[in-house]
């Protein structure tokens, strides 16, 4: 739930982006302007503009171009609204998946909240189709959003492990092995295969 203060801050951020549509804006430029504008309007300090910008991107109002670079495109906003599942689509996805999370198998009968999730995320072009939907429990839906970072890490450690193996670097090999075993122990990114 967004409180009034957060809504006001988001409005100020969007004001700047709307004045500069379809322009990739670097983080320092927007942050400096937003902090000054907020201070001018309210007399208070905007504590976490970075977080507010990220939230706008995650909600589909801004497009993340690269790290610290965002853009507002009015046509993207209209298209993005079309990519949310309708209630009927959600029900069809839930029914197909037997009202259970496709990861852990828990569902409503277990008292677990289920959510319709885009297999290919909206921000990567995923469409709101039954085929692109899956049922996830709230916990696994949250974890999925954070998997991108852990996927990158796992792939990096696999490459480092292979390099250490090829160069007979026992110390680095042991370190990478321990890190990769933590991934396996916790069932994180099991779709990325580590060949020991």
C-alpha atoms as a PDB file:
ATOM      1  CA  UNK A   1       0.000   0.000   0.000  1.00  0.00           C
ATOM      2  CA  UNK A   2       1.334   3.411  -1.005  1.00  0.00           C
ATOM      3  CA  UNK A   3       0.994   6.195   1.553  1.00  0.00           C
ATOM      4  CA  UNK A   4       0.329   9.840   0.640  1.00  0.00           C
ATOM      5  CA  UNK A   5       3.952  10.840   1.047  1.00  0.00           C
ATOM      6  CA  UNK A   6       5.144   8.096  -1.322  1.00  0.00           C
ATOM      7  CA  UNK A   7       2.419   9.013  -3.826  1.00  0.00           C
ATOM      8  CA  UNK A   8       3.481  12.673  -3.752  1.00  0.00           C
ATOM      9  CA  UNK A   9       7.118  11.675  -4.262  1.00  0.00           C
ATOM     10  CA  UNK A  10       6.176   9.387  -7.164  1.00  0.00           C
ATOM     11  CA  UNK A  11       4.159  12.215  -8.741  1.00  0.00           C
ATOM     12  CA  UNK A  12       7.173  14.525  -8.591  1.00  0.00           C
ATOM     13  CA  UNK A  13       9.406  11.903 -10.201  1.00  0.00           C
ATOM     14  CA  UNK A  14       6.860  11.223 -12.946  1.00  0.00           C
ATOM     15  CA  UNK A  15       6.465  14.973 -13.575  1.00  0.00           C
ATOM     16  CA  UNK A  16      10.120  15.143 -14.630  1.00  0.00           C
ATOM     17  CA  UNK A  17       9.966  12.023 -16.772  1.00  0.00           C
ATOM     18  CA  UNK A  18       6.744  13.190 -18.468  1.00  0.00           C
ATOM     19  CA  UNK A  19       8.430  16.489 -19.356  1.00  0.00           C
ATOM     20  CA  UNK A  20      11.181  14.388 -20.974  1.00  0.00           C
ATOM     21  CA  UNK A  21       9.362  11.505 -22.702  1.00  0.00           C
ATOM     22  CA  UNK A  22      11.319   8.851 -24.586  1.00  0.00           C
ATOM     23  CA  UNK A  23      14.624  10.176 -23.250  1.00  0.00           C
ATOM     24  CA  UNK A  24      16.992   7.929 -21.317  1.00  0.00           C
ATOM     25  CA  UNK A  25      17.683   9.822 -18.098  1.00  0.00           C
ATOM     26  CA  UNK A  26      20.677   8.984 -15.955  1.00  0.00           C
ATOM     27  CA  UNK A  27      20.221   8.544 -12.236  1.00  0.00           C
ATOM     28  CA  UNK A  28      22.146  11.633 -11.025  1.00  0.00           C
ATOM     29  CA  UNK A  29      20.104  13.957 -13.251  1.00  0.00           C
ATOM     30  CA  UNK A  30      16.704  12.769 -12.015  1.00  0.00           C
ATOM     31  CA  UNK A  31      17.769  12.387  -8.381  1.00  0.00           C
ATOM     32  CA  UNK A  32      19.247  15.890  -8.180  1.00  0.00           C
ATOM     33  CA  UNK A  33      16.129  17.433  -9.724  1.00  0.00           C
ATOM     34  CA  UNK A  34      13.666  15.409  -7.625  1.00  0.00           C
ATOM     35  CA  UNK A  35      15.451  16.125  -4.334  1.00  0.00           C
ATOM     36  CA  UNK A  36      15.542  19.875  -5.076  1.00  0.00           C
ATOM     37  CA  UNK A  37      11.923  19.972  -6.302  1.00  0.00           C
ATOM     38  CA  UNK A  38      10.643  18.020  -3.284  1.00  0.00           C
ATOM     39  CA  UNK A  39      12.522  20.339  -0.904  1.00  0.00           C
ATOM     40  CA  UNK A  40      11.091  23.386  -2.705  1.00  0.00           C
ATOM     41  CA  UNK A  41       7.514  22.050  -2.551  1.00  0.00           C
ATOM     42  CA  UNK A  42       7.480  20.545   0.943  1.00  0.00           C
ATOM     43  CA  UNK A  43      10.427  22.000   2.838  1.00  0.00           C
ATOM     44  CA  UNK A  44      11.473  18.416   3.642  1.00  0.00           C
ATOM     45  CA  UNK A  45      14.225  16.097   2.422  1.00  0.00           C
ATOM     46  CA  UNK A  46      13.355  13.316  -0.029  1.00  0.00           C
ATOM     47  CA  UNK A  47      14.992  10.430   1.842  1.00  0.00           C
ATOM     48  CA  UNK A  48      15.151   7.626  -0.739  1.00  0.00           C
ATOM     49  CA  UNK A  49      14.585   8.744  -4.332  1.00  0.00           C
ATOM     50  CA  UNK A  50      16.434   5.656  -5.634  1.00  0.00           C
ATOM     51  CA  UNK A  51      13.858   3.350  -4.095  1.00  0.00           C
ATOM     52  CA  UNK A  52      10.967   5.431  -5.428  1.00  0.00           C
ATOM     53  CA  UNK A  53      12.383   5.334  -8.970  1.00  0.00           C
ATOM     54  CA  UNK A  54      12.892   1.553  -8.755  1.00  0.00           C
ATOM     55  CA  UNK A  55       9.294   1.108  -7.581  1.00  0.00           C
ATOM     56  CA  UNK A  56       8.027   3.124 -10.549  1.00  0.00           C
ATOM     57  CA  UNK A  57      10.064   0.919 -12.869  1.00  0.00           C
ATOM     58  CA  UNK A  58       8.862  -2.286 -11.201  1.00  0.00           C
ATOM     59  CA  UNK A  59       5.257  -1.141 -11.496  1.00  0.00           C
ATOM     60  CA  UNK A  60       5.732  -0.552 -15.232  1.00  0.00           C
ATOM     61  CA  UNK A  61       5.544   3.243 -15.233  1.00  0.00           C
ATOM     62  CA  UNK A  62       9.202   3.678 -16.168  1.00  0.00           C
ATOM     63  CA  UNK A  63      11.426   1.570 -18.407  1.00  0.00           C
ATOM     64  CA  UNK A  64      14.806   0.567 -17.019  1.00  0.00           C
ATOM     65  CA  UNK A  65      17.278   1.031 -19.878  1.00  0.00           C
ATOM     66  CA  UNK A  66      20.382  -0.005 -17.947  1.00  0.00           C
ATOM     67  CA  UNK A  67      21.744   0.343 -14.433  1.00  0.00           C
ATOM     68  CA  UNK A  68      20.762   3.803 -13.212  1.00  0.00           C
ATOM     69  CA  UNK A  69      19.148   4.834 -16.516  1.00  0.00           C
ATOM     70  CA  UNK A  70      15.360   5.086 -16.869  1.00  0.00           C
ATOM     71  CA  UNK A  71      12.921   6.319 -19.489  1.00  0.00           C
ATOM     72  CA  UNK A  72       9.247   7.223 -19.681  1.00  0.00           C
ATOM     73  CA  UNK A  73       7.409   6.155 -22.841  1.00  0.00           C
ATOM     74  CA  UNK A  74       3.649   6.850 -22.875  1.00  0.00           C
ATOM     75  CA  UNK A  75       3.035   4.122 -25.481  1.00  0.00           C
ATOM     76  CA  UNK A  76       4.826   1.561 -23.287  1.00  0.00           C
ATOM     77  CA  UNK A  77       2.535   2.421 -20.373  1.00  0.00           C
ATOM     78  CA  UNK A  78      -0.559   1.774 -22.497  1.00  0.00           C
ATOM     79  CA  UNK A  79       0.855  -1.515 -23.799  1.00  0.00           C
ATOM     80  CA  UNK A  80       1.970  -2.555 -20.321  1.00  0.00           C
ATOM     81  CA  UNK A  81      -1.571  -2.235 -18.998  1.00  0.00           C
ATOM     82  CA  UNK A  82      -2.650  -4.783 -21.602  1.00  0.00           C
ATOM     83  CA  UNK A  83      -0.114  -7.290 -20.280  1.00  0.00           C
ATOM     84  CA  UNK A  84      -1.718  -7.867 -16.887  1.00  0.00           C
ATOM     85  CA  UNK A  85      -3.718 -11.076 -16.514  1.00  0.00           C
ATOM     86  CA  UNK A  86      -7.480 -10.638 -16.392  1.00  0.00           C
ATOM     87  CA  UNK A  87      -9.358 -12.318 -13.547  1.00  0.00           C
ATOM     88  CA  UNK A  88     -10.634 -14.920 -16.047  1.00  0.00           C
ATOM     89  CA  UNK A  89      -7.083 -15.666 -17.223  1.00  0.00           C
ATOM     90  CA  UNK A  90      -5.871 -15.992 -13.635  1.00  0.00           C
ATOM     91  CA  UNK A  91      -8.626 -18.488 -12.892  1.00  0.00           C
ATOM     92  CA  UNK A  92      -7.742 -20.538 -15.996  1.00  0.00           C
ATOM     93  CA  UNK A  93      -4.059 -20.592 -14.990  1.00  0.00           C
ATOM     94  CA  UNK A  94      -4.919 -21.608 -11.414  1.00  0.00           C
ATOM     95  CA  UNK A  95      -7.273 -24.341 -12.635  1.00  0.00           C
ATOM     96  CA  UNK A  96      -4.708 -25.706 -15.112  1.00  0.00           C
ATOM     97  CA  UNK A  97      -2.099 -25.844 -12.316  1.00  0.00           C
ATOM     98  CA  UNK A  98      -4.597 -27.430  -9.874  1.00  0.00           C
ATOM     99  CA  UNK A  99      -4.545 -24.312  -7.667  1.00  0.00           C
ATOM    100  CA  UNK A 100      -1.010 -25.210  -6.557  1.00  0.00           C
ATOM    101  CA  UNK A 101       2.379 -23.526  -6.805  1.00  0.00           C
ATOM    102  CA  UNK A 102       4.324 -25.136  -9.666  1.00  0.00           C
ATOM    103  CA  UNK A 103       7.508 -24.947  -7.561  1.00  0.00           C
ATOM    104  CA  UNK A 104       6.526 -26.319  -4.135  1.00  0.00           C
ATOM    105  CA  UNK A 105       3.085 -27.815  -4.774  1.00  0.00           C
ATOM    106  CA  UNK A 106       1.405 -25.866  -1.980  1.00  0.00           C
ATOM    107  CA  UNK A 107      -1.878 -24.108  -2.630  1.00  0.00           C
ATOM    108  CA  UNK A 108      -5.117 -22.762  -1.280  1.00  0.00           C
ATOM    109  CA  UNK A 109      -5.978 -26.076   0.387  1.00  0.00           C
ATOM    110  CA  UNK A 110      -2.797 -25.646   2.441  1.00  0.00           C
ATOM    111  CA  UNK A 111      -3.768 -22.101   3.396  1.00  0.00           C
ATOM    112  CA  UNK A 112      -1.170 -20.637   1.036  1.00  0.00           C
ATOM    113  CA  UNK A 113      -1.840 -17.563  -1.121  1.00  0.00           C
ATOM    114  CA  UNK A 114      -1.383 -18.289  -4.830  1.00  0.00           C
ATOM    115  CA  UNK A 115      -0.612 -15.774  -7.569  1.00  0.00           C
ATOM    116  CA  UNK A 116      -0.679 -15.810 -11.364  1.00  0.00           C
ATOM    117  CA  UNK A 117       2.862 -15.151 -12.558  1.00  0.00           C
ATOM    118  CA  UNK A 118       4.282 -14.322 -15.990  1.00  0.00           C
ATOM    119  CA  UNK A 119       6.811 -17.040 -16.914  1.00  0.00           C
ATOM    120  CA  UNK A 120       8.530 -14.553 -19.201  1.00  0.00           C
ATOM    121  CA  UNK A 121       8.354 -11.283 -17.232  1.00  0.00           C
ATOM    122  CA  UNK A 122       6.411  -8.323 -18.591  1.00  0.00           C
ATOM    123  CA  UNK A 123       9.520  -6.137 -18.560  1.00  0.00           C
ATOM    124  CA  UNK A 124      11.190  -8.645 -20.910  1.00  0.00           C
ATOM    125  CA  UNK A 125       8.264  -8.682 -23.325  1.00  0.00           C
ATOM    126  CA  UNK A 126       6.175 -11.382 -21.658  1.00  0.00           C
ATOM    127  CA  UNK A 127       2.534 -11.353 -22.730  1.00  0.00           C
ATOM    128  CA  UNK A 128      -0.585 -11.885 -20.644  1.00  0.00           C
ATOM    129  CA  UNK A 129      -1.458 -15.259 -22.156  1.00  0.00           C
ATOM    130  CA  UNK A 130      -2.475 -18.500 -20.489  1.00  0.00           C
ATOM    131  CA  UNK A 131       0.624 -20.167 -21.973  1.00  0.00           C
ATOM    132  CA  UNK A 132       2.881 -17.535 -20.398  1.00  0.00           C
ATOM    133  CA  UNK A 133       1.210 -17.885 -17.009  1.00  0.00           C
ATOM    134  CA  UNK A 134       1.975 -20.132 -14.079  1.00  0.00           C
ATOM    135  CA  UNK A 135       0.733 -20.485 -10.525  1.00  0.00           C
ATOM    136  CA  UNK A 136       3.204 -19.557  -7.807  1.00  0.00           C
ATOM    137  CA  UNK A 137       2.756 -19.226  -4.076  1.00  0.00           C
ATOM    138  CA  UNK A 138       3.483 -15.732  -2.750  1.00  0.00           C
ATOM    139  CA  UNK A 139       6.868 -16.866  -1.419  1.00  0.00           C
ATOM    140  CA  UNK A 140       8.067 -18.343  -4.721  1.00  0.00           C
ATOM    141  CA  UNK A 141       6.735 -15.387  -6.694  1.00  0.00           C
ATOM    142  CA  UNK A 142       8.809 -13.105  -4.459  1.00  0.00           C
ATOM    143  CA  UNK A 143      11.868 -15.341  -4.838  1.00  0.00           C
ATOM    144  CA  UNK A 144      11.467 -15.431  -8.620  1.00  0.00           C
ATOM    145  CA  UNK A 145      11.754 -11.659  -8.771  1.00  0.00           C
ATOM    146  CA  UNK A 146      15.093 -11.934  -6.982  1.00  0.00           C
ATOM    147  CA  UNK A 147      16.369 -14.963  -8.947  1.00  0.00           C
ATOM    148  CA  UNK A 148      17.857 -12.843 -11.727  1.00  0.00           C
ATOM    149  CA  UNK A 149      20.576 -11.681  -9.378  1.00  0.00           C
ATOM    150  CA  UNK A 150      21.225 -15.157  -8.015  1.00  0.00           C
ATOM    151  CA  UNK A 151      21.230 -16.641 -11.538  1.00  0.00           C
ATOM    152  CA  UNK A 152      23.962 -14.231 -12.569  1.00  0.00           C
ATOM    153  CA  UNK A 153      25.933 -15.117  -9.446  1.00  0.00           C
ATOM    154  CA  UNK A 154      25.578 -18.868  -9.966  1.00  0.00           C
ATOM    155  CA  UNK A 155      26.672 -18.637 -13.604  1.00  0.00           C
ATOM    156  CA  UNK A 156      29.686 -16.556 -12.574  1.00  0.00           C
ATOM    157  CA  UNK A 157      30.729 -19.075  -9.907  1.00  0.00           C
ATOM    158  CA  UNK A 158      30.328 -21.977 -12.365  1.00  0.00           C
ATOM    159  CA  UNK A 159      32.646 -20.205 -14.836  1.00  0.00           C
ATOM    160  CA  UNK A 160      35.095 -19.420 -12.031  1.00  0.00           C
ATOM    161  CA  UNK A 161      34.914 -23.049 -10.831  1.00  0.00           C
ATOM    162  CA  UNK A 162      35.687 -24.323 -14.353  1.00  0.00           C
ATOM    163  CA  UNK A 163      38.594 -21.884 -14.657  1.00  0.00           C
ATOM    164  CA  UNK A 164      39.996 -22.932 -11.261  1.00  0.00           C
ATOM    165  CA  UNK A 165      39.638 -26.594 -12.251  1.00  0.00           C
ATOM    166  CA  UNK A 166      41.482 -26.015 -15.545  1.00  0.00           C
ATOM    167  CA  UNK A 167      44.326 -24.163 -13.817  1.00  0.00           C
ATOM    168  CA  UNK A 168      44.499 -26.536 -10.811  1.00  0.00           C
ATOM    169  CA  UNK A 169      43.850 -23.682  -8.370  1.00  0.00           C
ATOM    170  CA  UNK A 170      42.761 -25.782  -5.377  1.00  0.00           C
ATOM    171  CA  UNK A 171      42.013 -22.851  -3.082  1.00  0.00           C
ATOM    172  CA  UNK A 172      39.703 -21.129  -5.595  1.00  0.00           C
ATOM    173  CA  UNK A 173      38.177 -24.477  -6.578  1.00  0.00           C
ATOM    174  CA  UNK A 174      37.281 -25.203  -2.933  1.00  0.00           C
ATOM    175  CA  UNK A 175      35.767 -21.730  -2.490  1.00  0.00           C
ATOM    176  CA  UNK A 176      33.611 -21.965  -5.637  1.00  0.00           C
ATOM    177  CA  UNK A 177      32.516 -25.498  -4.731  1.00  0.00           C
ATOM    178  CA  UNK A 178      31.332 -24.344  -1.299  1.00  0.00           C
ATOM    179  CA  UNK A 179      29.395 -21.412  -2.792  1.00  0.00           C
ATOM    180  CA  UNK A 180      27.752 -23.608  -5.452  1.00  0.00           C
ATOM    181  CA  UNK A 181      26.834 -26.197  -2.816  1.00  0.00           C
ATOM    182  CA  UNK A 182      24.936 -23.468  -0.945  1.00  0.00           C
ATOM    183  CA  UNK A 183      22.856 -22.897  -4.101  1.00  0.00           C
ATOM    184  CA  UNK A 184      22.088 -26.625  -4.299  1.00  0.00           C
ATOM    185  CA  UNK A 185      21.406 -27.023  -0.577  1.00  0.00           C
ATOM    186  CA  UNK A 186      18.813 -24.235  -0.716  1.00  0.00           C
ATOM    187  CA  UNK A 187      17.281 -25.223  -4.052  1.00  0.00           C
ATOM    188  CA  UNK A 188      18.158 -21.909  -5.688  1.00  0.00           C
ATOM    189  CA  UNK A 189      18.376 -21.767  -9.500  1.00  0.00           C
ATOM    190  CA  UNK A 190      18.261 -25.545  -9.947  1.00  0.00           C
ATOM    191  CA  UNK A 191      17.615 -25.040 -13.662  1.00  0.00           C
ATOM    192  CA  UNK A 192      21.231 -23.883 -14.032  1.00  0.00           C
ATOM    193  CA  UNK A 193      23.227 -27.099 -14.053  1.00  0.00           C
ATOM    194  CA  UNK A 194      26.582 -27.239 -12.317  1.00  0.00           C
ATOM    195  CA  UNK A 195      28.654 -30.135 -13.610  1.00  0.00           C
ATOM    196  CA  UNK A 196      31.130 -31.002 -10.870  1.00  0.00           C
END
